[in-house]
């Protein structure tokens, strides 16, 4: 089924401990609108029916880095231009938004 395959493209990016907390098996691709994963914050899932907050789990920086690594197919430099625009596009046309702070030294 095509829609299930699209959800699997998203699921494969998440580390196993996060997958267990999110309970992807309860989500339907057609209902999923947004997965919001931020460092030291609860995971939030927006569906067409509303929003779900996973209070039992806070994402860690290392876990988010693993998601980005997988999304970039372990080749961060090849996605550098996309990341400068604030997102990565993965198979299926899904966009992963990237935000953060930039630290500059000497210009």
C-alpha atoms as a PDB file:
ATOM      1  CA  UNK A   1       0.000   0.000   0.000  1.00  0.00           C
ATOM      2  CA  UNK A   2       1.520   3.312  -1.099  1.00  0.00           C
ATOM      3  CA  UNK A   3       0.377   5.392   1.866  1.00  0.00           C
ATOM      4  CA  UNK A   4       1.755   2.898   4.365  1.00  0.00           C
ATOM      5  CA  UNK A   5       5.077   2.976   2.505  1.00  0.00           C
ATOM      6  CA  UNK A   6       5.156   6.752   2.876  1.00  0.00           C
ATOM      7  CA  UNK A   7       4.663   6.477   6.633  1.00  0.00           C
ATOM      8  CA  UNK A   8       7.431   3.869   6.743  1.00  0.00           C
ATOM      9  CA  UNK A   9       9.781   6.388   5.084  1.00  0.00           C
ATOM     10  CA  UNK A  10       9.216   8.656   8.079  1.00  0.00           C
ATOM     11  CA  UNK A  11       9.326   5.909  10.714  1.00  0.00           C
ATOM     12  CA  UNK A  12      12.676   4.541   9.511  1.00  0.00           C
ATOM     13  CA  UNK A  13      14.364   7.814  10.473  1.00  0.00           C
ATOM     14  CA  UNK A  14      13.605   7.519  14.180  1.00  0.00           C
ATOM     15  CA  UNK A  15      15.855   5.699  16.683  1.00  0.00           C
ATOM     16  CA  UNK A  16      14.206   2.601  18.164  1.00  0.00           C
ATOM     17  CA  UNK A  17      13.670   4.107  21.627  1.00  0.00           C
ATOM     18  CA  UNK A  18      11.741   6.994  20.073  1.00  0.00           C
ATOM     19  CA  UNK A  19       9.676   4.662  17.883  1.00  0.00           C
ATOM     20  CA  UNK A  20       8.518   2.804  20.992  1.00  0.00           C
ATOM     21  CA  UNK A  21       7.332   6.036  22.634  1.00  0.00           C
ATOM     22  CA  UNK A  22       5.587   7.469  19.585  1.00  0.00           C
ATOM     23  CA  UNK A  23       3.467   4.351  18.879  1.00  0.00           C
ATOM     24  CA  UNK A  24       3.499   4.817  15.112  1.00  0.00           C
ATOM     25  CA  UNK A  25       1.274   1.771  14.692  1.00  0.00           C
ATOM     26  CA  UNK A  26      -1.636   3.841  16.013  1.00  0.00           C
ATOM     27  CA  UNK A  27      -1.113   6.601  13.431  1.00  0.00           C
ATOM     28  CA  UNK A  28      -2.539   6.635   9.949  1.00  0.00           C
ATOM     29  CA  UNK A  29      -0.576   8.353   7.216  1.00  0.00           C
ATOM     30  CA  UNK A  30      -3.671  10.176   5.972  1.00  0.00           C
ATOM     31  CA  UNK A  31      -4.179  11.718   9.428  1.00  0.00           C
ATOM     32  CA  UNK A  32      -0.561  12.721  10.066  1.00  0.00           C
ATOM     33  CA  UNK A  33       0.247  16.384   9.475  1.00  0.00           C
ATOM     34  CA  UNK A  34       3.362  17.103  11.519  1.00  0.00           C
ATOM     35  CA  UNK A  35       5.822  15.466  13.908  1.00  0.00           C
ATOM     36  CA  UNK A  36       7.596  18.031  16.059  1.00  0.00           C
ATOM     37  CA  UNK A  37      10.783  16.836  17.752  1.00  0.00           C
ATOM     38  CA  UNK A  38      12.810  19.373  19.718  1.00  0.00           C
ATOM     39  CA  UNK A  39      15.753  18.980  22.086  1.00  0.00           C
ATOM     40  CA  UNK A  40      14.639  18.433  25.699  1.00  0.00           C
ATOM     41  CA  UNK A  41      10.973  18.860  24.821  1.00  0.00           C
ATOM     42  CA  UNK A  42       8.059  16.495  24.504  1.00  0.00           C
ATOM     43  CA  UNK A  43       7.327  15.083  21.063  1.00  0.00           C
ATOM     44  CA  UNK A  44       4.217  16.597  19.517  1.00  0.00           C
ATOM     45  CA  UNK A  45       2.182  15.005  16.772  1.00  0.00           C
ATOM     46  CA  UNK A  46      -0.320  17.026  14.798  1.00  0.00           C
ATOM     47  CA  UNK A  47      -3.039  15.111  12.982  1.00  0.00           C
ATOM     48  CA  UNK A  48      -6.134  16.228  11.113  1.00  0.00           C
ATOM     49  CA  UNK A  49      -8.053  15.504  14.347  1.00  0.00           C
ATOM     50  CA  UNK A  50      -5.887  17.608  16.672  1.00  0.00           C
ATOM     51  CA  UNK A  51      -2.605  17.394  18.515  1.00  0.00           C
ATOM     52  CA  UNK A  52      -1.034  14.656  20.632  1.00  0.00           C
ATOM     53  CA  UNK A  53       1.761  15.373  23.098  1.00  0.00           C
ATOM     54  CA  UNK A  54       3.932  12.510  24.293  1.00  0.00           C
ATOM     55  CA  UNK A  55       4.580  13.535  27.878  1.00  0.00           C
ATOM     56  CA  UNK A  56       6.577  10.441  28.793  1.00  0.00           C
ATOM     57  CA  UNK A  57       9.518  11.221  26.518  1.00  0.00           C
ATOM     58  CA  UNK A  58      11.801  14.181  25.822  1.00  0.00           C
ATOM     59  CA  UNK A  59      14.031  14.037  22.767  1.00  0.00           C
ATOM     60  CA  UNK A  60      17.755  14.345  23.327  1.00  0.00           C
ATOM     61  CA  UNK A  61      20.211  16.127  21.023  1.00  0.00           C
ATOM     62  CA  UNK A  62      21.911  12.861  20.048  1.00  0.00           C
ATOM     63  CA  UNK A  63      18.587  11.325  18.958  1.00  0.00           C
ATOM     64  CA  UNK A  64      17.753  14.311  16.783  1.00  0.00           C
ATOM     65  CA  UNK A  65      21.207  14.190  15.246  1.00  0.00           C
ATOM     66  CA  UNK A  66      20.613  10.517  14.353  1.00  0.00           C
ATOM     67  CA  UNK A  67      17.345  11.442  12.630  1.00  0.00           C
ATOM     68  CA  UNK A  68      19.090  14.121  10.572  1.00  0.00           C
ATOM     69  CA  UNK A  69      21.951  11.746   9.734  1.00  0.00           C
ATOM     70  CA  UNK A  70      19.547   9.118   8.425  1.00  0.00           C
ATOM     71  CA  UNK A  71      17.507  11.724   6.538  1.00  0.00           C
ATOM     72  CA  UNK A  72      20.729  12.859   4.821  1.00  0.00           C
ATOM     73  CA  UNK A  73      21.660   9.248   4.079  1.00  0.00           C
ATOM     74  CA  UNK A  74      24.748   9.652   6.309  1.00  0.00           C
ATOM     75  CA  UNK A  75      26.126  12.346   4.003  1.00  0.00           C
ATOM     76  CA  UNK A  76      25.434  15.666   5.726  1.00  0.00           C
ATOM     77  CA  UNK A  77      27.650  17.644   3.374  1.00  0.00           C
ATOM     78  CA  UNK A  78      25.583  16.617   0.331  1.00  0.00           C
ATOM     79  CA  UNK A  79      22.478  18.148   1.961  1.00  0.00           C
ATOM     80  CA  UNK A  80      24.261  21.306   3.079  1.00  0.00           C
ATOM     81  CA  UNK A  81      22.488  23.610   0.608  1.00  0.00           C
ATOM     82  CA  UNK A  82      19.090  22.232   1.607  1.00  0.00           C
ATOM     83  CA  UNK A  83      19.863  22.678   5.288  1.00  0.00           C
ATOM     84  CA  UNK A  84      20.832  26.306   4.666  1.00  0.00           C
ATOM     85  CA  UNK A  85      17.251  26.788   3.469  1.00  0.00           C
ATOM     86  CA  UNK A  86      15.976  25.313   6.730  1.00  0.00           C
ATOM     87  CA  UNK A  87      14.795  21.896   5.621  1.00  0.00           C
ATOM     88  CA  UNK A  88      15.698  18.524   4.131  1.00  0.00           C
ATOM     89  CA  UNK A  89      13.421  16.807   1.622  1.00  0.00           C
ATOM     90  CA  UNK A  90      13.308  13.019   1.929  1.00  0.00           C
ATOM     91  CA  UNK A  91      11.819  10.274  -0.228  1.00  0.00           C
ATOM     92  CA  UNK A  92       8.088  10.752  -0.663  1.00  0.00           C
ATOM     93  CA  UNK A  93       8.459  14.542  -0.725  1.00  0.00           C
ATOM     94  CA  UNK A  94       8.338  14.913   3.057  1.00  0.00           C
ATOM     95  CA  UNK A  95      10.138  17.917   4.482  1.00  0.00           C
ATOM     96  CA  UNK A  96      12.108  17.889   7.685  1.00  0.00           C
ATOM     97  CA  UNK A  97      12.426  21.403   9.055  1.00  0.00           C
ATOM     98  CA  UNK A  98      15.658  22.258  10.799  1.00  0.00           C
ATOM     99  CA  UNK A  99      16.065  25.095  13.261  1.00  0.00           C
ATOM    100  CA  UNK A 100      18.650  26.153  15.742  1.00  0.00           C
ATOM    101  CA  UNK A 101      21.242  28.754  16.617  1.00  0.00           C
ATOM    102  CA  UNK A 102      24.292  29.701  14.640  1.00  0.00           C
ATOM    103  CA  UNK A 103      27.534  30.531  16.411  1.00  0.00           C
ATOM    104  CA  UNK A 104      30.102  32.456  14.415  1.00  0.00           C
ATOM    105  CA  UNK A 105      33.703  33.263  15.176  1.00  0.00           C
ATOM    106  CA  UNK A 106      35.799  35.760  13.258  1.00  0.00           C
ATOM    107  CA  UNK A 107      33.058  36.602  10.751  1.00  0.00           C
END
